[in-house]
Amino acid sequence: MAERDTYKYHVKDGKKIIRSGITNDLERREREHQREFGDDIHLQKVGNKTTREGAREWEKGQKRGTP
């Protein structure tokens, strides 16, 4: 059985979602995005931890613009 070790997240600037992604370390990923987009952005976790495969499927849907 696959381990549920991956977070899904939105990168937000205020209330606006500017990117979606997956990671196994939210704090590290937030720091990386802040270097790219500035200190005003924050990560919003989406749902619970999931499998890497499940998270990748969700991420593909985000790129198509689906919720």
N, C-alpha and C. Protein backbone atom coordinates (compact mmCIF):
# COMPACT_ATOMS: atom_id res chain seq x y z
N MET A 1 0.85 -1.18 0.00
CA MET A 1 0.00 0.00 0.00
C MET A 1 0.90 1.25 0.00
N ALA A 2 0.58 2.19 -0.85
CA ALA A 2 1.37 3.42 -0.98
C ALA A 2 1.19 4.29 0.26
N GLU A 3 2.30 4.93 0.67
CA GLU A 3 2.28 5.79 1.85
C GLU A 3 1.67 7.15 1.53
N ARG A 4 0.90 7.66 2.46
CA ARG A 4 0.30 9.00 2.32
C ARG A 4 1.29 9.99 2.92
N ASP A 5 2.18 10.51 2.06
CA ASP A 5 3.25 11.37 2.54
C ASP A 5 3.37 12.68 1.76
N THR A 6 2.38 12.98 0.94
CA THR A 6 2.47 14.14 0.06
C THR A 6 1.32 15.11 0.31
N TYR A 7 1.68 16.39 0.40
CA TYR A 7 0.71 17.46 0.58
C TYR A 7 0.37 18.09 -0.77
N LYS A 8 -0.87 18.54 -0.91
CA LYS A 8 -1.30 19.35 -2.04
C LYS A 8 -1.44 20.77 -1.51
N TYR A 9 -1.10 21.76 -2.32
CA TYR A 9 -1.17 23.13 -1.83
C TYR A 9 -1.45 24.12 -2.95
N HIS A 10 -1.92 25.31 -2.54
CA HIS A 10 -2.04 26.46 -3.43
C HIS A 10 -1.07 27.52 -2.92
N VAL A 11 -0.39 28.19 -3.83
CA VAL A 11 0.40 29.37 -3.50
C VAL A 11 -0.54 30.55 -3.67
N LYS A 12 -0.70 31.34 -2.62
CA LYS A 12 -1.66 32.44 -2.65
C LYS A 12 -0.98 33.77 -2.38
N ASP A 13 -1.45 34.77 -3.10
CA ASP A 13 -1.07 36.16 -2.86
C ASP A 13 -2.35 36.85 -2.44
N GLY A 14 -2.52 37.05 -1.15
CA GLY A 14 -3.82 37.50 -0.64
C GLY A 14 -4.81 36.37 -0.82
N LYS A 15 -5.90 36.65 -1.53
CA LYS A 15 -6.92 35.62 -1.79
C LYS A 15 -6.74 34.97 -3.15
N LYS A 16 -5.80 35.47 -3.95
CA LYS A 16 -5.61 34.98 -5.31
C LYS A 16 -4.65 33.79 -5.36
N ILE A 17 -5.08 32.69 -5.98
CA ILE A 17 -4.22 31.53 -6.19
C ILE A 17 -3.34 31.81 -7.39
N ILE A 18 -2.02 31.75 -7.18
CA ILE A 18 -1.11 32.01 -8.30
C ILE A 18 -0.42 30.74 -8.79
N ARG A 19 -0.49 29.67 -8.02
CA ARG A 19 0.10 28.40 -8.44
C ARG A 19 -0.42 27.31 -7.52
N SER A 20 -0.42 26.08 -8.02
CA SER A 20 -0.78 24.91 -7.21
C SER A 20 0.35 23.90 -7.34
N GLY A 21 0.52 23.07 -6.33
CA GLY A 21 1.60 22.11 -6.39
C GLY A 21 1.47 21.03 -5.34
N ILE A 22 2.51 20.18 -5.30
CA ILE A 22 2.58 19.09 -4.33
C ILE A 22 3.98 19.08 -3.73
N THR A 23 4.08 18.60 -2.50
CA THR A 23 5.36 18.52 -1.81
C THR A 23 5.26 17.58 -0.63
N ASN A 24 6.42 17.14 -0.14
CA ASN A 24 6.42 16.37 1.10
C ASN A 24 6.89 17.23 2.28
N ASP A 25 7.19 18.52 2.02
CA ASP A 25 7.66 19.45 3.07
C ASP A 25 7.09 20.84 2.79
N LEU A 26 5.98 21.17 3.43
CA LEU A 26 5.30 22.45 3.17
C LEU A 26 6.15 23.66 3.55
N GLU A 27 6.83 23.61 4.67
CA GLU A 27 7.61 24.77 5.11
C GLU A 27 8.75 25.07 4.14
N ARG A 28 9.48 24.03 3.72
CA ARG A 28 10.57 24.23 2.76
C ARG A 28 10.03 24.79 1.45
N ARG A 29 8.92 24.23 0.99
CA ARG A 29 8.37 24.66 -0.30
C ARG A 29 7.87 26.10 -0.24
N GLU A 30 7.31 26.50 0.90
CA GLU A 30 6.86 27.88 1.06
C GLU A 30 8.06 28.84 0.96
N ARG A 31 9.16 28.50 1.62
CA ARG A 31 10.37 29.34 1.54
C ARG A 31 10.87 29.44 0.10
N GLU A 32 10.83 28.34 -0.64
CA GLU A 32 11.26 28.36 -2.04
C GLU A 32 10.36 29.28 -2.87
N HIS A 33 9.06 29.18 -2.68
CA HIS A 33 8.14 30.04 -3.42
C HIS A 33 8.29 31.50 -3.02
N GLN A 34 8.58 31.76 -1.76
CA GLN A 34 8.78 33.15 -1.32
C GLN A 34 10.01 33.77 -1.99
N ARG A 35 11.03 32.97 -2.23
CA ARG A 35 12.20 33.49 -2.96
C ARG A 35 11.82 33.87 -4.39
N GLU A 36 10.89 33.12 -4.97
CA GLU A 36 10.46 33.39 -6.34
C GLU A 36 9.43 34.51 -6.44
N PHE A 37 8.43 34.51 -5.54
CA PHE A 37 7.29 35.43 -5.64
C PHE A 37 7.30 36.56 -4.61
N GLY A 38 8.18 36.50 -3.62
CA GLY A 38 8.21 37.52 -2.58
C GLY A 38 7.64 37.02 -1.27
N ASP A 39 7.93 37.74 -0.21
CA ASP A 39 7.55 37.32 1.14
C ASP A 39 6.06 37.42 1.43
N ASP A 40 5.30 38.10 0.58
CA ASP A 40 3.86 38.28 0.84
C ASP A 40 3.04 37.04 0.51
N ILE A 41 3.58 36.09 -0.23
CA ILE A 41 2.79 34.90 -0.59
C ILE A 41 2.76 33.93 0.59
N HIS A 42 1.78 33.02 0.56
CA HIS A 42 1.71 31.96 1.56
C HIS A 42 1.16 30.71 0.91
N LEU A 43 1.43 29.56 1.52
CA LEU A 43 0.90 28.30 1.05
C LEU A 43 -0.35 27.96 1.82
N GLN A 44 -1.35 27.45 1.11
CA GLN A 44 -2.56 26.97 1.74
C GLN A 44 -2.65 25.48 1.45
N LYS A 45 -2.60 24.67 2.49
CA LYS A 45 -2.70 23.22 2.33
C LYS A 45 -4.10 22.88 1.82
N VAL A 46 -4.18 21.94 0.90
CA VAL A 46 -5.45 21.50 0.34
C VAL A 46 -5.69 20.05 0.77
N GLY A 47 -6.70 19.83 1.59
CA GLY A 47 -7.04 18.48 2.02
C GLY A 47 -5.99 17.88 2.95
N ASN A 48 -6.01 16.57 3.05
CA ASN A 48 -5.09 15.83 3.90
C ASN A 48 -3.93 15.28 3.08
N LYS A 49 -2.92 14.73 3.78
CA LYS A 49 -1.83 14.07 3.06
C LYS A 49 -2.42 12.98 2.19
N THR A 50 -1.76 12.74 1.07
CA THR A 50 -2.22 11.73 0.13
C THR A 50 -1.00 10.99 -0.42
N THR A 51 -1.25 10.02 -1.28
CA THR A 51 -0.14 9.32 -1.92
C THR A 51 0.48 10.22 -2.98
N ARG A 52 1.72 9.97 -3.32
CA ARG A 52 2.38 10.77 -4.35
C ARG A 52 1.61 10.66 -5.67
N GLU A 53 1.17 9.46 -5.99
CA GLU A 53 0.41 9.25 -7.24
C GLU A 53 -0.90 10.04 -7.23
N GLY A 54 -1.63 9.98 -6.12
CA GLY A 54 -2.88 10.74 -6.01
C GLY A 54 -2.65 12.23 -6.12
N ALA A 55 -1.56 12.71 -5.50
CA ALA A 55 -1.23 14.13 -5.56
C ALA A 55 -0.88 14.56 -6.99
N ARG A 56 -0.16 13.71 -7.71
CA ARG A 56 0.20 14.04 -9.10
C ARG A 56 -1.05 14.14 -9.98
N GLU A 57 -2.00 13.26 -9.76
CA GLU A 57 -3.26 13.32 -10.53
C GLU A 57 -3.99 14.62 -10.22
N TRP A 58 -4.05 15.01 -8.96
CA TRP A 58 -4.68 16.27 -8.57
C TRP A 58 -3.96 17.44 -9.24
N GLU A 59 -2.63 17.40 -9.21
CA GLU A 59 -1.84 18.49 -9.79
C GLU A 59 -2.10 18.62 -11.29
N LYS A 60 -2.21 17.52 -11.99
CA LYS A 60 -2.53 17.57 -13.43
C LYS A 60 -3.86 18.28 -13.66
N GLY A 61 -4.85 18.01 -12.83
CA GLY A 61 -6.15 18.66 -12.93
C GLY A 61 -6.05 20.16 -12.69
N GLN A 62 -5.16 20.57 -11.81
CA GLN A 62 -4.96 21.99 -11.53
C GLN A 62 -4.40 22.70 -12.74
N LYS A 63 -3.53 22.05 -13.47
CA LYS A 63 -2.93 22.67 -14.65
C LYS A 63 -3.98 22.88 -15.76
N ARG A 64 -5.02 22.06 -15.74
CA ARG A 64 -6.10 22.22 -16.71
C ARG A 64 -7.09 23.28 -16.26
N GLY A 65 -6.91 23.76 -15.04
CA GLY A 65 -7.80 24.80 -14.54
C GLY A 65 -9.05 24.28 -13.88
N THR A 66 -9.04 23.01 -13.48
CA THR A 66 -10.21 22.46 -12.79
C THR A 66 -9.98 22.53 -11.29
N PRO A 67 -11.02 22.65 -10.48
CA PRO A 67 -10.86 22.74 -9.03
C PRO A 67 -10.38 21.43 -8.42
